[in-house]
Amino acid sequence: MSSPSKLDDPLHASIAWSRYWRLMRWMTVLTLLCVAIALGYLYMAHGMVSIHLYIATAAGVGVALLLTSALMGLVFISSSSGHDESVKNSFTEDTNHNE
């Protein structure tokens, strides 16, 4: 049986989610900066090749960075809110039982 998580409390949940969204706002700004740098480098290195190349580069860099930020943000919110500790770890019980 798992114990209650701090995220079950609305006050702790609102604090945790506000931290998450603040992190995502900063990462969105950083992502836009990285996309601009990547497109600038591409233009300086190869000139105006094709608009499709620039669209694909912007989408690829943007999606990769935002997805990574979102998933790592969820890991951070889970760890810092105590949600990880509230989950029952049946794996350690199974390994200790077999010894």
N, C-alpha and C. Protein backbone atom coordinates (compact mmCIF):
# COMPACT_ATOMS: atom_id res chain seq x y z
N MET A 1 0.83 -1.17 0.00
CA MET A 1 0.00 0.00 0.00
C MET A 1 0.88 1.24 0.00
N SER A 2 0.55 2.23 -0.79
CA SER A 2 1.35 3.44 -0.84
C SER A 2 0.84 4.45 0.20
N SER A 3 1.77 5.23 0.71
CA SER A 3 1.40 6.26 1.68
C SER A 3 0.95 7.51 0.94
N PRO A 4 0.23 8.40 1.61
CA PRO A 4 -0.24 9.61 0.93
C PRO A 4 0.93 10.48 0.47
N SER A 5 0.75 11.10 -0.67
CA SER A 5 1.75 11.98 -1.24
C SER A 5 1.45 13.42 -0.84
N LYS A 6 2.50 14.25 -0.83
CA LYS A 6 2.29 15.67 -0.57
C LYS A 6 1.48 16.31 -1.70
N LEU A 7 1.52 15.70 -2.89
CA LEU A 7 0.77 16.26 -4.01
C LEU A 7 -0.74 16.06 -3.85
N ASP A 8 -1.16 15.24 -2.89
CA ASP A 8 -2.58 15.11 -2.60
C ASP A 8 -3.13 16.34 -1.90
N ASP A 9 -2.26 17.09 -1.21
CA ASP A 9 -2.65 18.33 -0.54
C ASP A 9 -2.70 19.45 -1.59
N PRO A 10 -3.84 20.15 -1.73
CA PRO A 10 -3.95 21.20 -2.76
C PRO A 10 -2.91 22.32 -2.62
N LEU A 11 -2.53 22.67 -1.39
CA LEU A 11 -1.55 23.73 -1.21
C LEU A 11 -0.18 23.30 -1.74
N HIS A 12 0.27 22.10 -1.36
CA HIS A 12 1.57 21.60 -1.86
C HIS A 12 1.52 21.39 -3.37
N ALA A 13 0.40 20.91 -3.86
CA ALA A 13 0.29 20.68 -5.31
C ALA A 13 0.36 21.99 -6.08
N SER A 14 -0.31 23.04 -5.58
CA SER A 14 -0.27 24.31 -6.29
C SER A 14 1.13 24.92 -6.27
N ILE A 15 1.84 24.76 -5.17
CA ILE A 15 3.23 25.26 -5.09
C ILE A 15 4.12 24.49 -6.06
N ALA A 16 3.96 23.17 -6.08
CA ALA A 16 4.80 22.34 -6.96
C ALA A 16 4.52 22.66 -8.43
N TRP A 17 3.25 22.80 -8.79
CA TRP A 17 2.93 23.08 -10.19
C TRP A 17 3.32 24.49 -10.59
N SER A 18 3.26 25.45 -9.66
CA SER A 18 3.71 26.79 -10.01
C SER A 18 5.22 26.80 -10.27
N ARG A 19 5.97 26.02 -9.48
CA ARG A 19 7.40 25.89 -9.73
C ARG A 19 7.66 25.25 -11.10
N TYR A 20 6.87 24.25 -11.42
CA TYR A 20 7.03 23.56 -12.72
C TYR A 20 6.78 24.53 -13.87
N TRP A 21 5.70 25.29 -13.79
CA TRP A 21 5.38 26.20 -14.89
C TRP A 21 6.36 27.36 -14.99
N ARG A 22 6.92 27.79 -13.84
CA ARG A 22 7.96 28.81 -13.87
C ARG A 22 9.20 28.26 -14.58
N LEU A 23 9.56 27.02 -14.27
CA LEU A 23 10.68 26.36 -14.95
C LEU A 23 10.41 26.26 -16.45
N MET A 24 9.19 25.90 -16.83
CA MET A 24 8.88 25.76 -18.25
C MET A 24 8.91 27.11 -18.97
N ARG A 25 8.51 28.18 -18.30
CA ARG A 25 8.61 29.50 -18.95
C ARG A 25 10.06 29.86 -19.23
N TRP A 26 10.94 29.63 -18.25
CA TRP A 26 12.35 29.92 -18.47
C TRP A 26 12.94 29.02 -19.56
N MET A 27 12.55 27.77 -19.58
CA MET A 27 13.08 26.85 -20.59
C MET A 27 12.54 27.19 -21.98
N THR A 28 11.34 27.75 -22.06
CA THR A 28 10.82 28.19 -23.35
C THR A 28 11.64 29.35 -23.89
N VAL A 29 12.00 30.29 -23.02
CA VAL A 29 12.85 31.41 -23.43
C VAL A 29 14.21 30.90 -23.88
N LEU A 30 14.79 29.97 -23.11
CA LEU A 30 16.08 29.40 -23.47
C LEU A 30 15.99 28.62 -24.79
N THR A 31 14.89 27.91 -24.98
CA THR A 31 14.70 27.16 -26.23
C THR A 31 14.63 28.10 -27.42
N LEU A 32 13.90 29.20 -27.30
CA LEU A 32 13.82 30.17 -28.40
C LEU A 32 15.19 30.76 -28.70
N LEU A 33 15.97 31.01 -27.67
CA LEU A 33 17.33 31.50 -27.87
C LEU A 33 18.19 30.46 -28.59
N CYS A 34 18.07 29.20 -28.19
CA CYS A 34 18.85 28.13 -28.85
C CYS A 34 18.42 27.93 -30.30
N VAL A 35 17.13 28.04 -30.57
CA VAL A 35 16.64 27.93 -31.95
C VAL A 35 17.20 29.07 -32.79
N ALA A 36 17.20 30.29 -32.25
CA ALA A 36 17.76 31.43 -32.98
C ALA A 36 19.24 31.24 -33.25
N ILE A 37 19.97 30.74 -32.27
CA ILE A 37 21.41 30.50 -32.46
C ILE A 37 21.63 29.42 -33.52
N ALA A 38 20.86 28.34 -33.47
CA ALA A 38 21.01 27.26 -34.46
C ALA A 38 20.69 27.75 -35.87
N LEU A 39 19.62 28.54 -36.00
CA LEU A 39 19.28 29.06 -37.32
C LEU A 39 20.31 30.07 -37.81
N GLY A 40 20.82 30.89 -36.90
CA GLY A 40 21.87 31.84 -37.28
C GLY A 40 23.14 31.14 -37.73
N TYR A 41 23.53 30.10 -37.01
CA TYR A 41 24.71 29.33 -37.41
C TYR A 41 24.50 28.66 -38.76
N LEU A 42 23.32 28.10 -38.95
CA LEU A 42 23.02 27.43 -40.22
C LEU A 42 23.08 28.41 -41.39
N TYR A 43 22.55 29.61 -41.16
CA TYR A 43 22.58 30.63 -42.21
C TYR A 43 24.00 31.11 -42.49
N MET A 44 24.79 31.28 -41.42
CA MET A 44 26.17 31.73 -41.61
C MET A 44 27.01 30.66 -42.31
N ALA A 45 26.75 29.41 -42.03
CA ALA A 45 27.56 28.33 -42.60
C ALA A 45 27.16 27.99 -44.03
N HIS A 46 25.84 28.06 -44.35
CA HIS A 46 25.38 27.56 -45.65
C HIS A 46 24.56 28.57 -46.45
N GLY A 47 24.24 29.70 -45.89
CA GLY A 47 23.42 30.67 -46.61
C GLY A 47 21.97 30.22 -46.65
N MET A 48 21.21 30.83 -47.55
CA MET A 48 19.79 30.49 -47.67
C MET A 48 19.65 29.27 -48.59
N VAL A 49 19.61 28.09 -48.00
CA VAL A 49 19.53 26.85 -48.77
C VAL A 49 18.09 26.59 -49.17
N SER A 50 17.26 26.31 -48.22
CA SER A 50 15.85 26.03 -48.44
C SER A 50 15.09 26.40 -47.18
N ILE A 51 13.91 26.96 -47.35
CA ILE A 51 13.11 27.33 -46.20
C ILE A 51 12.72 26.10 -45.40
N HIS A 52 12.58 24.97 -46.07
CA HIS A 52 12.21 23.72 -45.41
C HIS A 52 13.30 23.25 -44.44
N LEU A 53 14.55 23.49 -44.79
CA LEU A 53 15.65 23.15 -43.91
C LEU A 53 15.59 23.97 -42.62
N TYR A 54 15.28 25.24 -42.75
CA TYR A 54 15.20 26.10 -41.57
C TYR A 54 13.98 25.77 -40.71
N ILE A 55 12.87 25.45 -41.34
CA ILE A 55 11.68 25.06 -40.58
C ILE A 55 11.93 23.75 -39.84
N ALA A 56 12.53 22.79 -40.51
CA ALA A 56 12.81 21.50 -39.87
C ALA A 56 13.82 21.65 -38.74
N THR A 57 14.82 22.49 -38.94
CA THR A 57 15.81 22.71 -37.88
C THR A 57 15.16 23.37 -36.68
N ALA A 58 14.37 24.40 -36.91
CA ALA A 58 13.70 25.10 -35.80
C ALA A 58 12.76 24.15 -35.06
N ALA A 59 12.00 23.36 -35.81
CA ALA A 59 11.07 22.42 -35.17
C ALA A 59 11.83 21.33 -34.40
N GLY A 60 12.87 20.81 -34.99
CA GLY A 60 13.64 19.74 -34.34
C GLY A 60 14.31 20.20 -33.06
N VAL A 61 14.99 21.34 -33.13
CA VAL A 61 15.66 21.86 -31.93
C VAL A 61 14.63 22.25 -30.88
N GLY A 62 13.56 22.92 -31.30
CA GLY A 62 12.54 23.37 -30.36
C GLY A 62 11.82 22.23 -29.67
N VAL A 63 11.39 21.24 -30.43
CA VAL A 63 10.67 20.11 -29.85
C VAL A 63 11.59 19.29 -28.93
N ALA A 64 12.82 19.08 -29.36
CA ALA A 64 13.75 18.29 -28.53
C ALA A 64 14.02 18.98 -27.19
N LEU A 65 14.27 20.27 -27.21
CA LEU A 65 14.57 20.98 -25.97
C LEU A 65 13.34 21.10 -25.08
N LEU A 66 12.18 21.40 -25.65
CA LEU A 66 10.97 21.53 -24.83
C LEU A 66 10.52 20.20 -24.25
N LEU A 67 10.62 19.13 -25.02
CA LEU A 67 10.26 17.82 -24.51
C LEU A 67 11.20 17.40 -23.38
N THR A 68 12.48 17.61 -23.58
CA THR A 68 13.45 17.30 -22.53
C THR A 68 13.17 18.13 -21.28
N SER A 69 12.87 19.40 -21.46
CA SER A 69 12.57 20.27 -20.31
C SER A 69 11.33 19.82 -19.58
N ALA A 70 10.30 19.45 -20.32
CA ALA A 70 9.04 19.02 -19.69
C ALA A 70 9.24 17.74 -18.89
N LEU A 71 9.93 16.78 -19.47
CA LEU A 71 10.12 15.51 -18.76
C LEU A 71 11.04 15.66 -17.56
N MET A 72 12.11 16.42 -17.70
CA MET A 72 13.00 16.63 -16.56
C MET A 72 12.30 17.46 -15.48
N GLY A 73 11.46 18.40 -15.88
CA GLY A 73 10.68 19.16 -14.91
C GLY A 73 9.75 18.27 -14.11
N LEU A 74 9.14 17.29 -14.77
CA LEU A 74 8.28 16.35 -14.06
C LEU A 74 9.07 15.47 -13.10
N VAL A 75 10.28 15.11 -13.48
CA VAL A 75 11.14 14.34 -12.58
C VAL A 75 11.49 15.19 -11.36
N PHE A 76 11.83 16.45 -11.57
CA PHE A 76 12.17 17.33 -10.46
C PHE A 76 10.98 17.55 -9.54
N ILE A 77 9.79 17.76 -10.11
CA ILE A 77 8.61 18.00 -9.28
C ILE A 77 8.25 16.75 -8.50
N SER A 78 8.42 15.60 -9.08
CA SER A 78 8.12 14.35 -8.38
C SER A 78 9.09 14.12 -7.23
N SER A 79 10.35 14.40 -7.46
CA SER A 79 11.36 14.19 -6.44
C SER A 79 11.26 15.21 -5.31
N SER A 80 11.10 16.48 -5.67
CA SER A 80 11.10 17.53 -4.64
C SER A 80 9.81 17.58 -3.83
N SER A 81 8.72 17.05 -4.37
CA SER A 81 7.45 17.10 -3.65
C SER A 81 7.29 15.92 -2.70
N GLY A 82 8.17 14.94 -2.74
CA GLY A 82 8.05 13.77 -1.88
C GLY A 82 7.16 12.70 -2.47
N HIS A 83 6.75 12.88 -3.70
CA HIS A 83 5.87 11.89 -4.34
C HIS A 83 6.59 10.56 -4.55
N ASP A 84 7.88 10.61 -4.82
CA ASP A 84 8.65 9.38 -5.04
C ASP A 84 8.69 8.52 -3.78
N GLU A 85 8.84 9.17 -2.62
CA GLU A 85 8.94 8.42 -1.37
C GLU A 85 7.61 7.80 -0.96
N SER A 86 6.49 8.34 -1.47
CA SER A 86 5.19 7.84 -1.06
C SER A 86 4.79 6.56 -1.79
N VAL A 87 5.49 6.23 -2.85
CA VAL A 87 5.15 5.05 -3.65
C VAL A 87 5.79 3.82 -3.03
N LYS A 88 5.01 2.77 -2.92
CA LYS A 88 5.51 1.52 -2.37
C LYS A 88 6.46 0.87 -3.38
N ASN A 89 7.62 0.47 -2.92
CA ASN A 89 8.61 -0.15 -3.78
C ASN A 89 8.58 -1.65 -3.53
N SER A 90 7.81 -2.37 -4.34
CA SER A 90 7.68 -3.81 -4.15
C SER A 90 8.92 -4.56 -4.63
N PHE A 91 9.76 -3.92 -5.44
CA PHE A 91 10.95 -4.58 -5.94
C PHE A 91 11.92 -4.89 -4.80
N THR A 92 12.12 -3.95 -3.89
CA THR A 92 13.04 -4.20 -2.78
C THR A 92 12.48 -5.25 -1.84
N GLU A 93 11.16 -5.30 -1.68
CA GLU A 93 10.56 -6.33 -0.84
C GLU A 93 10.76 -7.72 -1.45
N ASP A 94 10.63 -7.81 -2.78
CA ASP A 94 10.83 -9.08 -3.46
C ASP A 94 12.28 -9.55 -3.37
N THR A 95 13.23 -8.65 -3.52
CA THR A 95 14.63 -9.05 -3.50
C THR A 95 15.07 -9.40 -2.09
N ASN A 96 14.54 -8.73 -1.08
CA ASN A 96 14.90 -9.07 0.30
C ASN A 96 14.26 -10.39 0.73
N HIS A 97 13.11 -10.70 0.18
CA HIS A 97 12.40 -11.92 0.55
C HIS A 97 13.09 -13.17 -0.02
N ASN A 98 13.73 -13.02 -1.19
CA ASN A 98 14.36 -14.15 -1.84
C ASN A 98 15.71 -14.53 -1.25
N GLU A 99 16.27 -13.68 -0.43
CA GLU A 99 17.61 -13.97 0.12
C GLU A 99 17.57 -14.94 1.24
